[in-house]
Protein backbone atom coordinates (compact mmCIF):
# COMPACT_ATOMS: atom_id res chain seq x y z
CA UNK A 1 0.00 0.00 0.00
CA UNK A 2 1.67 3.22 -1.15
CA UNK A 3 1.85 6.49 0.76
CA UNK A 4 -0.05 8.15 -2.08
CA UNK A 5 -2.93 5.67 -1.69
CA UNK A 6 -3.07 6.36 2.06
CA UNK A 7 -2.98 10.09 1.38
CA UNK A 8 -5.94 9.77 -0.96
CA UNK A 9 -7.86 7.78 1.66
CA UNK A 10 -7.16 10.50 4.21
CA UNK A 11 -8.42 13.17 1.81
CA UNK A 12 -11.69 11.34 1.17
CA UNK A 13 -12.21 10.02 4.72
CA UNK A 14 -10.90 12.64 7.19
CA UNK A 15 -12.06 10.74 10.29
CA UNK A 16 -9.80 7.76 9.66
CA UNK A 17 -7.29 5.75 11.69
CA UNK A 18 -4.62 3.17 10.97
CA UNK A 19 -4.82 0.23 13.39
CA UNK A 20 -1.76 -2.02 13.36
CA UNK A 21 -1.56 -5.44 15.00
CA UNK A 22 1.91 -7.02 15.24
CA UNK A 23 2.58 -10.47 16.66
CA UNK A 24 5.08 -13.29 16.34
CA UNK A 25 2.15 -15.60 15.67
CA UNK A 26 -1.53 -14.95 15.22
CA UNK A 27 -3.32 -17.83 16.92
CA UNK A 28 -6.43 -19.34 15.36
CA UNK A 29 -9.40 -17.17 16.20
CA UNK A 30 -7.31 -14.26 17.51
CA UNK A 31 -8.26 -11.84 14.74
CA UNK A 32 -11.93 -12.68 15.20
CA UNK A 33 -11.63 -11.87 18.90
CA UNK A 34 -9.98 -8.52 18.23
CA UNK A 35 -12.41 -7.69 15.42
CA UNK A 36 -15.34 -8.40 17.73
CA UNK A 37 -13.76 -6.22 20.38
CA UNK A 38 -13.38 -3.35 17.92
CA UNK A 39 -16.96 -3.75 16.74
CA UNK A 40 -18.19 -3.62 20.32
CA UNK A 41 -16.23 -0.40 20.89
CA UNK A 42 -17.85 1.41 17.97
CA UNK A 43 -20.51 -0.31 15.82
CA UNK A 44 -20.09 2.56 13.32
CA UNK A 45 -16.54 1.48 12.40
CA UNK A 46 -16.10 1.03 8.66
CA UNK A 47 -13.13 -0.88 7.27
CA UNK A 48 -11.61 0.92 4.28
CA UNK A 49 -8.58 -1.26 3.67
CA UNK A 50 -6.64 -4.17 5.12
CA UNK A 51 -3.14 -5.39 4.34
CA UNK A 52 -0.68 -7.86 5.81
CA UNK A 53 2.97 -6.95 6.24
CA UNK A 54 5.58 -9.65 6.72
CA UNK A 55 8.65 -8.21 8.42
CA UNK A 56 11.31 -8.97 5.83
CA UNK A 57 14.37 -6.82 5.28
CA UNK A 58 14.76 -5.52 1.73
CA UNK A 59 18.11 -6.92 0.60
CA UNK A 60 18.22 -4.55 -2.35
CA UNK A 61 17.90 -1.59 0.00
CA UNK A 62 20.95 -2.59 2.02
CA UNK A 63 22.69 -5.85 1.15
CA UNK A 64 25.37 -5.45 3.84
CA UNK A 65 22.79 -4.82 6.55
CA UNK A 66 20.67 -7.73 5.38
CA UNK A 67 23.57 -10.09 5.95
CA UNK A 68 24.48 -8.60 9.33
CA UNK A 69 21.15 -8.35 11.14
CA UNK A 70 18.08 -10.49 11.56
CA UNK A 71 14.65 -8.90 11.40
CA UNK A 72 12.04 -9.23 14.12
CA UNK A 73 10.01 -12.41 13.49
CA UNK A 74 6.64 -10.68 13.44
CA UNK A 75 3.75 -10.24 11.05
CA UNK A 76 1.66 -7.08 11.01
CA UNK A 77 -1.95 -6.69 9.98
CA UNK A 78 -3.00 -3.13 9.31
CA UNK A 79 -6.57 -1.91 9.12
CA UNK A 80 -7.53 1.51 7.80
CA UNK A 81 -10.85 2.36 9.41
CA UNK A 82 -13.15 5.34 9.44
CA UNK A 83 -16.02 6.51 11.61
CA UNK A 84 -18.89 8.88 11.03
CA UNK A 85 -17.58 11.87 12.97
CA UNK A 86 -14.92 13.16 15.32
CA UNK A 87 -17.17 12.48 18.29
CA UNK A 88 -17.12 8.79 17.39
CA UNK A 89 -13.34 8.82 17.19
CA UNK A 90 -12.37 10.73 20.32
CA UNK A 91 -12.13 7.77 22.69
CA UNK A 92 -11.33 5.07 20.12
CA UNK A 93 -7.50 5.15 20.50
CA UNK A 94 -7.68 4.99 24.29
CA UNK A 95 -10.18 2.14 24.30
CA UNK A 96 -8.23 0.08 21.78
CA UNK A 97 -5.01 0.87 23.64
CA UNK A 98 -6.52 -0.79 26.68
CA UNK A 99 -6.50 -4.07 24.75
CA UNK A 100 -2.75 -3.73 24.29
CA UNK A 101 -2.26 -2.71 27.92
CA UNK A 102 -4.01 -5.88 29.05
CA UNK A 103 -1.87 -7.70 26.47
CA UNK A 104 -4.36 -10.52 26.34
CA UNK A 105 -3.23 -11.44 22.86
CA UNK A 106 0.57 -10.96 23.12
CA UNK A 107 0.30 -8.47 20.28
CA UNK A 108 1.36 -4.87 19.72
CA UNK A 109 -1.74 -2.78 18.97
CA UNK A 110 -1.27 0.82 17.83
CA UNK A 111 -3.89 3.28 16.66
CA UNK A 112 -2.76 6.33 14.72
CA UNK A 113 -4.75 9.05 12.97
CA UNK A 114 -4.31 8.47 9.26
CA UNK A 115 -3.45 12.16 8.90
CA UNK A 116 -0.49 11.61 11.24
CA UNK A 117 0.66 8.51 9.37
CA UNK A 118 0.73 10.22 5.97
CA UNK A 119 2.30 13.44 7.26
CA UNK A 120 6.05 13.57 6.44
CA UNK A 121 8.29 13.36 9.51
CA UNK A 122 11.86 14.58 9.39
CA UNK A 123 13.45 14.30 12.84
CA UNK A 124 13.76 11.28 15.15
CA UNK A 125 15.25 11.23 18.65
CA UNK A 126 16.24 8.02 20.43
CA UNK A 127 17.12 7.12 23.97
CA UNK A 128 20.21 4.89 24.18
CA UNK A 129 20.17 2.51 27.17
CA UNK A 130 17.62 -0.31 26.82
CA UNK A 131 16.47 1.30 23.57
CA UNK A 132 19.21 1.48 20.93
CA UNK A 133 21.30 -0.92 22.99
CA UNK A 134 20.14 -3.76 25.22
CA UNK A 135 22.10 -2.72 28.29
CA UNK A 136 21.95 0.01 30.92
CA UNK A 137 25.57 1.14 30.68
CA UNK A 138 25.76 2.51 34.20
CA UNK A 139 24.65 -0.90 35.50
CA UNK A 140 27.42 -2.59 33.49
CA UNK A 141 29.96 -0.14 34.95
CA UNK A 142 28.65 -0.82 38.43
CA UNK A 143 29.08 -4.57 37.97
CA UNK A 144 32.74 -3.98 37.12
CA UNK A 145 33.08 -1.82 40.23
CA UNK A 146 31.48 -4.48 42.43
CA UNK A 147 28.45 -2.32 43.28
CA UNK A 148 26.05 -3.75 40.72
CA UNK A 149 23.21 -4.54 43.08
CA UNK A 150 23.22 -1.07 44.64
CA UNK A 151 23.22 0.74 41.31
CA UNK A 152 20.71 -1.63 39.73
CA UNK A 153 18.23 -0.95 42.54
CA UNK A 154 18.56 2.83 42.07
CA UNK A 155 18.31 2.53 38.27
CA UNK A 156 15.14 0.44 38.32
CA UNK A 157 13.52 2.82 40.79
CA UNK A 158 14.36 5.80 38.58
CA UNK A 159 13.11 4.12 35.39
CA UNK A 160 9.80 3.38 37.11
CA UNK A 161 9.51 7.05 38.02
CA UNK A 162 9.69 6.43 41.76
CA UNK A 163 12.61 8.81 42.33
CA UNK A 164 13.87 11.87 40.47
CA UNK A 165 16.21 10.95 37.62
CA UNK A 166 18.78 13.69 38.33
CA UNK A 167 19.04 12.70 41.99
CA UNK A 168 19.30 9.01 41.18
CA UNK A 169 21.90 9.66 38.50
CA UNK A 170 24.08 11.70 40.85
CA UNK A 171 23.90 8.96 43.48
CA UNK A 172 24.87 6.27 40.99
CA UNK A 173 27.77 8.21 39.49
CA UNK A 174 29.15 8.94 42.95
CA UNK A 175 29.32 5.20 43.59
CA UNK A 176 31.59 4.81 40.53
CA UNK A 177 34.37 6.91 42.04
CA UNK A 178 37.77 5.29 41.59
CA UNK A 179 36.77 3.10 38.65
CA UNK A 180 39.52 2.75 36.02
CA UNK A 181 38.84 4.33 32.61
CA UNK A 182 40.00 1.05 31.06
CA UNK A 183 36.69 -0.43 32.20
CA UNK A 184 34.86 1.92 29.82
CA UNK A 185 36.85 0.51 26.90
CA UNK A 186 36.08 -3.03 28.03
CA UNK A 187 32.34 -2.29 28.21
CA UNK A 188 32.30 -1.14 24.60
CA UNK A 189 34.45 -4.02 23.40
CA UNK A 190 32.68 -6.83 25.24
CA UNK A 191 29.40 -5.82 26.83
CA UNK A 192 27.36 -3.60 24.48
CA UNK A 193 24.91 -5.22 22.10
CA UNK A 194 22.52 -3.35 19.84
CA UNK A 195 18.81 -3.96 20.22
CA UNK A 196 17.31 -6.28 17.60
CA UNK A 197 16.43 -4.24 14.54
CA UNK A 198 18.32 -1.10 15.65
CA UNK A 199 20.69 -1.03 12.68
CA UNK A 200 17.88 -1.72 10.25
CA UNK A 201 15.68 1.01 11.72
CA UNK A 202 18.33 3.74 11.67
CA UNK A 203 19.32 2.77 8.12
CA UNK A 204 15.67 2.99 7.00
CA UNK A 205 15.18 6.36 8.68
CA UNK A 206 18.24 7.76 6.93
CA UNK A 207 17.02 6.34 3.61
CA UNK A 208 13.78 8.24 4.14
CA UNK A 209 15.58 11.51 4.84
CA UNK A 210 15.28 11.67 8.63
CA UNK A 211 17.76 13.57 10.79
CA UNK A 212 18.47 11.09 13.60
CA UNK A 213 19.64 12.08 17.08
CA UNK A 214 20.70 10.06 20.12
CA UNK A 215 19.77 11.68 23.43
CA UNK A 216 20.81 9.82 26.56
CA UNK A 217 20.84 10.13 30.30
CA UNK A 218 24.00 8.01 30.12
CA UNK A 219 27.55 8.98 29.19
CA UNK A 220 29.01 10.69 26.12
CA UNK A 221 31.81 8.13 25.83
CA UNK A 222 29.28 5.43 24.99
CA UNK A 223 26.81 7.69 23.17
CA UNK A 224 29.49 8.68 20.65
CA UNK A 225 30.29 5.03 20.00
CA UNK A 226 26.64 4.10 19.47
CA UNK A 227 25.99 7.16 17.30
CA UNK A 228 28.95 6.44 15.05
CA UNK A 229 28.23 2.72 14.85
CA UNK A 230 24.64 3.27 13.75
CA UNK A 231 25.33 6.24 11.46
CA UNK A 232 23.28 8.75 13.45
CA UNK A 233 23.69 12.52 13.05
CA UNK A 234 24.16 13.82 16.62
CA UNK A 235 24.34 12.64 20.20
CA UNK A 236 23.71 14.30 23.55
CA UNK A 237 24.67 12.72 26.89
CA UNK A 238 26.51 13.39 30.16
CA UNK A 239 30.24 14.07 30.47
CA UNK A 240 31.79 11.67 32.99
CA UNK A 241 34.75 13.31 34.75
CA UNK A 242 37.97 11.26 34.56
CA UNK A 243 41.26 12.33 36.15
CA UNK A 244 44.47 10.25 35.94
CA UNK A 245 42.50 7.47 34.27
CA UNK A 246 40.12 7.21 37.22
CA UNK A 247 36.45 8.14 37.41
CA UNK A 248 36.03 10.99 39.92
CA UNK A 249 32.38 10.28 40.62
CA UNK A 250 31.32 13.66 39.19
CA UNK A 251 29.59 14.93 36.03
CA UNK A 252 31.10 17.95 34.27
CA UNK A 253 27.99 18.92 32.30
CA UNK A 254 24.33 19.63 32.98
CA UNK A 255 22.55 16.32 33.58
CA UNK A 256 20.50 15.11 30.62
CA UNK A 257 17.26 14.32 32.41
CA UNK A 258 13.72 14.11 31.07
CA UNK A 259 13.27 17.87 30.89
CA UNK A 260 16.57 18.28 29.08
CA UNK A 261 15.65 15.60 26.53
CA UNK A 262 12.50 17.52 25.62
CA UNK A 263 14.50 20.74 25.40
CA UNK A 264 16.98 19.07 23.04
CA UNK A 265 14.14 17.86 20.83
CA UNK A 266 12.73 21.36 20.61
CA UNK A 267 16.13 23.00 20.06
CA UNK A 268 17.25 20.61 17.31
CA UNK A 269 13.91 20.90 15.54
CA UNK A 270 14.06 24.70 15.70
CA UNK A 271 17.65 24.77 14.45
CA UNK A 272 16.79 22.57 11.48
CA UNK A 273 13.54 24.39 10.70
CA UNK A 274 11.46 21.29 11.48
CA UNK A 275 8.03 21.55 13.07
CA UNK A 276 7.26 19.53 16.19
CA UNK A 277 4.44 17.97 14.16
CA UNK A 278 7.22 16.43 12.03
CA UNK A 279 9.11 14.78 14.89
CA UNK A 280 9.39 11.28 16.35
CA UNK A 281 10.81 10.16 19.72
CA UNK A 282 11.52 6.65 21.01
CA UNK A 283 12.46 5.59 24.54
CA UNK A 284 11.79 3.16 27.37
CA UNK A 285 12.12 5.00 30.70
CA UNK A 286 10.24 7.55 32.77
CA UNK A 287 12.87 10.16 31.88
CA UNK A 288 11.85 9.74 28.22
CA UNK A 289 8.23 10.73 28.81
CA UNK A 290 8.72 14.51 28.30
CA UNK A 291 10.20 14.03 24.82
CA UNK A 292 7.69 11.28 23.96
CA UNK A 293 4.91 13.69 24.87
CA UNK A 294 6.40 16.60 22.95
CA UNK A 295 7.09 14.72 19.71
CA UNK A 296 4.28 14.23 17.22
CA UNK A 297 4.83 10.46 17.42
CA UNK A 298 6.14 9.25 20.79
CA UNK A 299 6.87 5.52 20.90
CA UNK A 300 7.56 3.51 24.08
CA UNK A 301 9.95 0.66 23.27
CA UNK A 302 9.78 -2.43 25.50
CA UNK A 303 9.07 0.09 28.20
CA UNK A 304 8.21 0.11 31.86
CA UNK A 305 4.43 0.13 32.52
CA UNK A 306 4.41 3.79 33.58
CA UNK A 307 5.89 4.73 30.20
CA UNK A 308 3.82 2.33 28.10
CA UNK A 309 0.61 3.60 29.73
CA UNK A 310 1.37 7.26 29.00
CA UNK A 311 2.91 7.00 25.54
CA UNK A 312 0.61 7.24 22.53
CA UNK A 313 2.31 4.31 20.78
CA UNK A 314 4.26 1.26 21.93
CA UNK A 315 6.44 -1.52 20.53
CA UNK A 316 6.81 -4.51 22.84
CA UNK A 317 6.46 -7.72 20.84
CA UNK A 318 8.70 -6.69 17.91
CA UNK A 319 12.30 -5.54 17.99
CA UNK A 320 13.28 -1.93 17.43
CA UNK A 321 12.53 -2.31 13.73
CA UNK A 322 8.90 -2.56 14.85
CA UNK A 323 9.08 1.24 14.96
CA UNK A 324 9.11 1.09 11.15
CA UNK A 325 5.68 -0.53 11.25
CA UNK A 326 4.30 2.20 13.51
CA UNK A 327 5.69 4.86 11.16
CA UNK A 328 4.60 3.02 8.03
CA UNK A 329 8.15 2.89 6.65
CA UNK A 330 9.90 0.43 4.36
CA UNK A 331 13.66 -0.12 4.21
CA UNK A 332 13.99 2.27 1.28
CA UNK A 333 11.97 5.09 -0.27
Foldseek 3Di string as FASTA:
>chain_A
DDLVVLVVVCVVFVQKKKKKKKFLDQDVCNVVVLVVVLCVLPVQKDWDDKDKAADDADCVLPVVVNVVADFWNMMMMMTMIHGDDPVSVVCSLVSSLVCVLVCPRVIFIAMGRSVLLSDAAAEEEEEPACAFWNHDVLLQLCVVVVNNVVLVVLVVCVQLVNDFPVVSLLVSLLSQFFPFLVSVVVCVVPPIDTWHCSLLQLLQSVQSNHQYEYEYLAEPVVQVVSCVVSVHDYYHYWHFDADPRTGHSDTPDPGRFLVNVLVVVVVVCVVVVHDLSNYEYEEAGPRVQNNLVSHNAREHECHDSVNSSRHNGYDNNTISSVVCVVSVTHSHD
